[in-house]
């Protein structure tokens, strides 16, 4: 699981750092995590991959760490494949009402 999570993390990192790039502060609506920024999902992936031994979480499909890795991987995969809706922040578009 850690290999595919690493692949999705690398793809998302490239999407947010190589022009034309996504804004890492863009909010996406994930069915797993709710409304989250792309950066927060990247940070979660880095945090879980940084824990010693997590690259060995392969055998037990009932492991909570494996399930968490899979949730993050699926969210990153959905971001990379444009499957998640983007949410506009409150300051994205100004609304001007006629006087």
N, C-alpha and C. Protein backbone atom coordinates (compact mmCIF):
# COMPACT_ATOMS: atom_id res chain seq x y z
N UNK A 1 0.82 -1.19 0.00
CA UNK A 1 0.00 0.00 0.00
C UNK A 1 0.86 1.26 0.00
N UNK A 2 1.98 1.20 0.69
CA UNK A 2 2.82 2.40 0.77
C UNK A 2 3.40 2.79 -0.59
N UNK A 3 3.61 1.80 -1.46
CA UNK A 3 4.14 2.12 -2.79
C UNK A 3 3.14 2.92 -3.61
N UNK A 4 1.90 2.47 -3.64
CA UNK A 4 0.88 3.19 -4.42
C UNK A 4 0.57 4.55 -3.79
N UNK A 5 0.61 4.62 -2.46
CA UNK A 5 0.43 5.92 -1.80
C UNK A 5 1.56 6.85 -2.20
N UNK A 6 2.79 6.34 -2.27
CA UNK A 6 3.93 7.15 -2.68
C UNK A 6 3.79 7.63 -4.13
N UNK A 7 3.27 6.77 -4.99
CA UNK A 7 3.07 7.14 -6.40
C UNK A 7 2.03 8.26 -6.51
N UNK A 8 0.91 8.10 -5.81
CA UNK A 8 -0.14 9.13 -5.86
C UNK A 8 0.35 10.43 -5.23
N UNK A 9 1.13 10.33 -4.16
CA UNK A 9 1.70 11.52 -3.53
C UNK A 9 2.63 12.24 -4.49
N UNK A 10 3.49 11.50 -5.18
CA UNK A 10 4.42 12.12 -6.15
C UNK A 10 3.65 12.81 -7.27
N UNK A 11 2.61 12.16 -7.77
CA UNK A 11 1.82 12.76 -8.85
C UNK A 11 1.12 14.04 -8.38
N UNK A 12 0.57 14.02 -7.18
CA UNK A 12 -0.11 15.21 -6.65
C UNK A 12 0.90 16.32 -6.40
N UNK A 13 2.07 15.96 -5.88
CA UNK A 13 3.10 16.97 -5.63
C UNK A 13 3.50 17.63 -6.95
N UNK A 14 3.67 16.83 -7.99
CA UNK A 14 4.01 17.40 -9.30
C UNK A 14 2.89 18.29 -9.82
N UNK A 15 1.64 17.87 -9.62
CA UNK A 15 0.50 18.68 -10.07
C UNK A 15 0.43 20.02 -9.36
N UNK A 16 0.96 20.10 -8.14
CA UNK A 16 0.89 21.35 -7.39
C UNK A 16 2.18 22.17 -7.47
N UNK A 17 3.22 21.62 -8.07
CA UNK A 17 4.50 22.34 -8.10
C UNK A 17 5.10 22.58 -9.48
N UNK A 18 4.55 21.97 -10.51
CA UNK A 18 5.08 22.13 -11.87
C UNK A 18 4.01 22.82 -12.72
N UNK A 19 4.35 23.94 -13.37
CA UNK A 19 3.36 24.66 -14.18
C UNK A 19 2.85 23.82 -15.34
N UNK A 20 1.60 23.95 -15.76
CA UNK A 20 0.54 24.69 -15.07
C UNK A 20 0.11 23.92 -13.83
N UNK A 21 0.08 24.58 -12.72
CA UNK A 21 -0.09 23.85 -11.47
C UNK A 21 -1.41 24.14 -10.78
N UNK A 22 -1.82 23.17 -9.98
CA UNK A 22 -2.97 23.34 -9.10
C UNK A 22 -2.54 24.16 -7.89
N UNK A 23 -3.46 24.91 -7.34
CA UNK A 23 -3.19 25.62 -6.10
C UNK A 23 -3.32 24.61 -4.96
N UNK A 24 -2.26 24.43 -4.19
CA UNK A 24 -2.31 23.45 -3.10
C UNK A 24 -3.26 23.86 -1.98
N UNK A 25 -3.68 25.12 -1.96
CA UNK A 25 -4.65 25.57 -0.97
C UNK A 25 -6.09 25.44 -1.46
N UNK A 26 -6.25 24.88 -2.67
CA UNK A 26 -7.59 24.65 -3.22
C UNK A 26 -8.31 23.62 -2.36
N UNK A 27 -9.56 23.88 -2.08
CA UNK A 27 -10.38 22.97 -1.28
C UNK A 27 -11.10 22.01 -2.22
N UNK A 28 -11.03 20.72 -1.88
CA UNK A 28 -11.75 19.70 -2.63
C UNK A 28 -12.73 19.01 -1.68
N UNK A 29 -13.79 18.47 -2.23
CA UNK A 29 -14.80 17.79 -1.43
C UNK A 29 -14.60 16.29 -1.56
N UNK A 30 -14.00 15.71 -0.53
CA UNK A 30 -13.69 14.29 -0.53
C UNK A 30 -14.79 13.52 0.20
N UNK A 31 -15.24 12.39 -0.36
CA UNK A 31 -16.24 11.60 0.35
C UNK A 31 -15.70 10.98 1.64
N UNK A 32 -14.38 10.87 1.74
CA UNK A 32 -13.76 10.26 2.92
C UNK A 32 -13.46 11.30 4.00
N UNK A 33 -12.86 12.42 3.61
CA UNK A 33 -12.40 13.41 4.58
C UNK A 33 -13.27 14.67 4.63
N UNK A 34 -14.21 14.81 3.73
CA UNK A 34 -15.03 16.03 3.68
C UNK A 34 -14.29 17.11 2.91
N UNK A 35 -14.52 18.36 3.27
CA UNK A 35 -13.87 19.49 2.59
C UNK A 35 -12.46 19.66 3.16
N UNK A 36 -11.46 19.41 2.32
CA UNK A 36 -10.06 19.50 2.74
C UNK A 36 -9.25 20.21 1.66
N UNK A 37 -8.13 20.80 2.06
CA UNK A 37 -7.23 21.38 1.07
C UNK A 37 -6.34 20.27 0.51
N UNK A 38 -5.86 20.49 -0.70
CA UNK A 38 -4.97 19.52 -1.31
C UNK A 38 -3.70 19.39 -0.47
N UNK A 39 -3.22 20.51 0.07
CA UNK A 39 -2.01 20.49 0.91
C UNK A 39 -2.20 19.63 2.15
N UNK A 40 -3.37 19.68 2.77
CA UNK A 40 -3.58 18.88 3.98
C UNK A 40 -3.55 17.39 3.67
N UNK A 41 -4.04 16.99 2.50
CA UNK A 41 -3.98 15.58 2.12
C UNK A 41 -2.53 15.18 1.83
N UNK A 42 -1.78 16.06 1.17
CA UNK A 42 -0.36 15.81 0.93
C UNK A 42 0.38 15.66 2.26
N UNK A 43 0.10 16.56 3.21
CA UNK A 43 0.74 16.49 4.52
C UNK A 43 0.40 15.20 5.27
N UNK A 44 -0.86 14.75 5.15
CA UNK A 44 -1.25 13.48 5.78
C UNK A 44 -0.46 12.32 5.17
N UNK A 45 -0.32 12.33 3.86
CA UNK A 45 0.42 11.25 3.19
C UNK A 45 1.87 11.24 3.64
N UNK A 46 2.49 12.41 3.68
CA UNK A 46 3.89 12.49 4.11
C UNK A 46 4.03 12.02 5.55
N UNK A 47 3.10 12.41 6.41
CA UNK A 47 3.17 12.03 7.82
C UNK A 47 3.06 10.52 8.00
N UNK A 48 2.12 9.90 7.30
CA UNK A 48 1.93 8.45 7.49
C UNK A 48 3.07 7.65 6.86
N UNK A 49 3.63 8.16 5.76
CA UNK A 49 4.76 7.46 5.14
C UNK A 49 6.06 7.65 5.92
N UNK A 50 6.12 8.70 6.74
CA UNK A 50 7.34 9.01 7.49
C UNK A 50 7.48 8.16 8.75
N UNK A 51 6.41 7.53 9.18
CA UNK A 51 6.47 6.72 10.40
C UNK A 51 7.24 5.43 10.10
N UNK A 52 8.21 5.15 10.93
CA UNK A 52 9.06 3.97 10.73
C UNK A 52 8.22 2.69 10.74
N UNK A 53 8.41 1.87 9.73
CA UNK A 53 7.70 0.60 9.66
C UNK A 53 6.43 0.64 8.84
N UNK A 54 5.94 1.82 8.50
CA UNK A 54 4.69 1.88 7.75
C UNK A 54 4.85 1.39 6.32
N UNK A 55 6.08 1.32 5.81
CA UNK A 55 6.26 0.76 4.48
C UNK A 55 6.16 -0.76 4.51
N UNK A 56 6.02 -1.34 5.71
CA UNK A 56 5.91 -2.79 5.84
C UNK A 56 4.48 -3.23 6.15
N UNK A 57 3.54 -2.30 6.16
CA UNK A 57 2.15 -2.62 6.47
C UNK A 57 1.52 -3.24 5.22
N UNK A 58 1.74 -4.53 5.03
CA UNK A 58 1.26 -5.20 3.83
C UNK A 58 0.32 -6.36 4.14
N UNK A 59 0.64 -7.12 5.17
CA UNK A 59 -0.04 -8.39 5.39
C UNK A 59 -1.48 -8.24 5.86
N UNK A 60 -1.70 -7.42 6.85
CA UNK A 60 -3.02 -7.35 7.46
C UNK A 60 -3.90 -6.33 6.76
N UNK A 61 -4.95 -6.81 6.13
CA UNK A 61 -5.88 -5.88 5.47
C UNK A 61 -6.80 -5.23 6.49
N UNK A 62 -6.79 -5.72 7.74
CA UNK A 62 -7.62 -5.15 8.79
C UNK A 62 -6.89 -4.09 9.59
N UNK A 63 -5.65 -3.83 9.25
CA UNK A 63 -4.85 -2.85 9.97
C UNK A 63 -5.45 -1.46 9.79
N UNK A 64 -5.54 -0.69 10.87
CA UNK A 64 -6.07 0.68 10.77
C UNK A 64 -5.11 1.56 10.00
N UNK A 65 -3.80 1.30 10.11
CA UNK A 65 -2.83 2.09 9.36
C UNK A 65 -2.98 1.83 7.87
N UNK A 66 -3.19 0.59 7.49
CA UNK A 66 -3.38 0.26 6.08
C UNK A 66 -4.65 0.92 5.55
N UNK A 67 -5.71 0.89 6.33
CA UNK A 67 -6.97 1.52 5.89
C UNK A 67 -6.80 3.02 5.74
N UNK A 68 -6.07 3.64 6.68
CA UNK A 68 -5.81 5.07 6.58
C UNK A 68 -4.97 5.40 5.35
N UNK A 69 -3.97 4.55 5.08
CA UNK A 69 -3.15 4.74 3.87
C UNK A 69 -4.01 4.63 2.62
N UNK A 70 -4.90 3.67 2.60
CA UNK A 70 -5.75 3.48 1.43
C UNK A 70 -6.69 4.67 1.24
N UNK A 71 -7.23 5.21 2.33
CA UNK A 71 -8.11 6.37 2.24
C UNK A 71 -7.37 7.58 1.67
N UNK A 72 -6.15 7.81 2.14
CA UNK A 72 -5.35 8.93 1.64
C UNK A 72 -4.99 8.70 0.18
N UNK A 73 -4.58 7.46 -0.15
CA UNK A 73 -4.23 7.12 -1.54
C UNK A 73 -5.41 7.34 -2.48
N UNK A 74 -6.60 6.91 -2.06
CA UNK A 74 -7.78 7.07 -2.90
C UNK A 74 -8.14 8.55 -3.09
N UNK A 75 -7.97 9.34 -2.04
CA UNK A 75 -8.24 10.77 -2.17
C UNK A 75 -7.25 11.43 -3.11
N UNK A 76 -5.96 11.10 -2.98
CA UNK A 76 -4.96 11.65 -3.89
C UNK A 76 -5.21 11.20 -5.32
N UNK A 77 -5.61 9.94 -5.50
CA UNK A 77 -5.92 9.42 -6.83
C UNK A 77 -7.09 10.20 -7.44
N UNK A 78 -8.11 10.47 -6.64
CA UNK A 78 -9.26 11.24 -7.12
C UNK A 78 -8.87 12.67 -7.48
N UNK A 79 -7.96 13.27 -6.70
CA UNK A 79 -7.47 14.62 -7.03
C UNK A 79 -6.72 14.58 -8.36
N UNK A 80 -5.85 13.59 -8.52
CA UNK A 80 -5.03 13.49 -9.73
C UNK A 80 -5.86 13.22 -10.99
N UNK A 81 -6.99 12.56 -10.83
CA UNK A 81 -7.83 12.22 -11.97
C UNK A 81 -9.07 13.10 -12.10
N UNK A 82 -9.06 14.23 -11.40
CA UNK A 82 -10.15 15.21 -11.46
C UNK A 82 -11.51 14.61 -11.16
N UNK A 83 -11.56 13.73 -10.17
CA UNK A 83 -12.82 13.11 -9.79
C UNK A 83 -13.51 13.82 -8.62
N UNK A 84 -12.78 14.69 -7.93
CA UNK A 84 -13.37 15.39 -6.79
C UNK A 84 -13.78 16.80 -7.20
N UNK A 85 -14.93 17.24 -6.72
CA UNK A 85 -15.34 18.62 -7.03
C UNK A 85 -14.49 19.62 -6.24
N UNK A 86 -14.13 20.70 -6.89
CA UNK A 86 -13.42 21.78 -6.23
C UNK A 86 -14.42 22.71 -5.58
N UNK A 87 -14.10 23.18 -4.39
CA UNK A 87 -14.97 24.07 -3.65
C UNK A 87 -14.36 25.45 -3.67
N UNK A 88 -15.15 26.45 -3.99
CA UNK A 88 -14.64 27.82 -3.99
C UNK A 88 -14.67 28.36 -2.58
N UNK A 89 -13.58 29.01 -2.20
CA UNK A 89 -13.51 29.64 -0.90
C UNK A 89 -14.32 30.92 -0.87
N UNK A 90 -14.54 31.48 0.31
CA UNK A 90 -15.36 32.69 0.41
C UNK A 90 -14.75 33.91 -0.28
N UNK A 91 -13.42 33.93 -0.44
CA UNK A 91 -12.80 35.11 -1.04
C UNK A 91 -12.47 34.90 -2.53
N UNK A 92 -12.92 33.79 -3.10
CA UNK A 92 -12.59 33.49 -4.49
C UNK A 92 -13.29 34.44 -5.46
N UNK A 93 -14.56 34.62 -5.28
CA UNK A 93 -15.34 35.47 -6.18
C UNK A 93 -16.08 36.52 -5.37
N UNK A 94 -15.91 37.76 -5.74
CA UNK A 94 -16.63 38.84 -5.08
C UNK A 94 -18.02 38.93 -5.70
N UNK A 95 -19.01 39.15 -4.86
CA UNK A 95 -20.39 39.30 -5.35
C UNK A 95 -20.73 40.78 -5.26
N UNK A 96 -21.10 41.35 -6.39
CA UNK A 96 -21.49 42.75 -6.44
C UNK A 96 -22.96 42.85 -6.78
N UNK A 97 -23.73 43.37 -5.85
CA UNK A 97 -25.15 43.56 -6.06
C UNK A 97 -25.40 44.97 -6.57
N UNK A 98 -26.31 45.14 -7.54
CA UNK A 98 -26.61 46.49 -8.02
C UNK A 98 -27.28 47.31 -6.94
N UNK A 99 -26.96 48.57 -6.92
CA UNK A 99 -27.53 49.47 -5.89
C UNK A 99 -28.88 49.99 -6.31
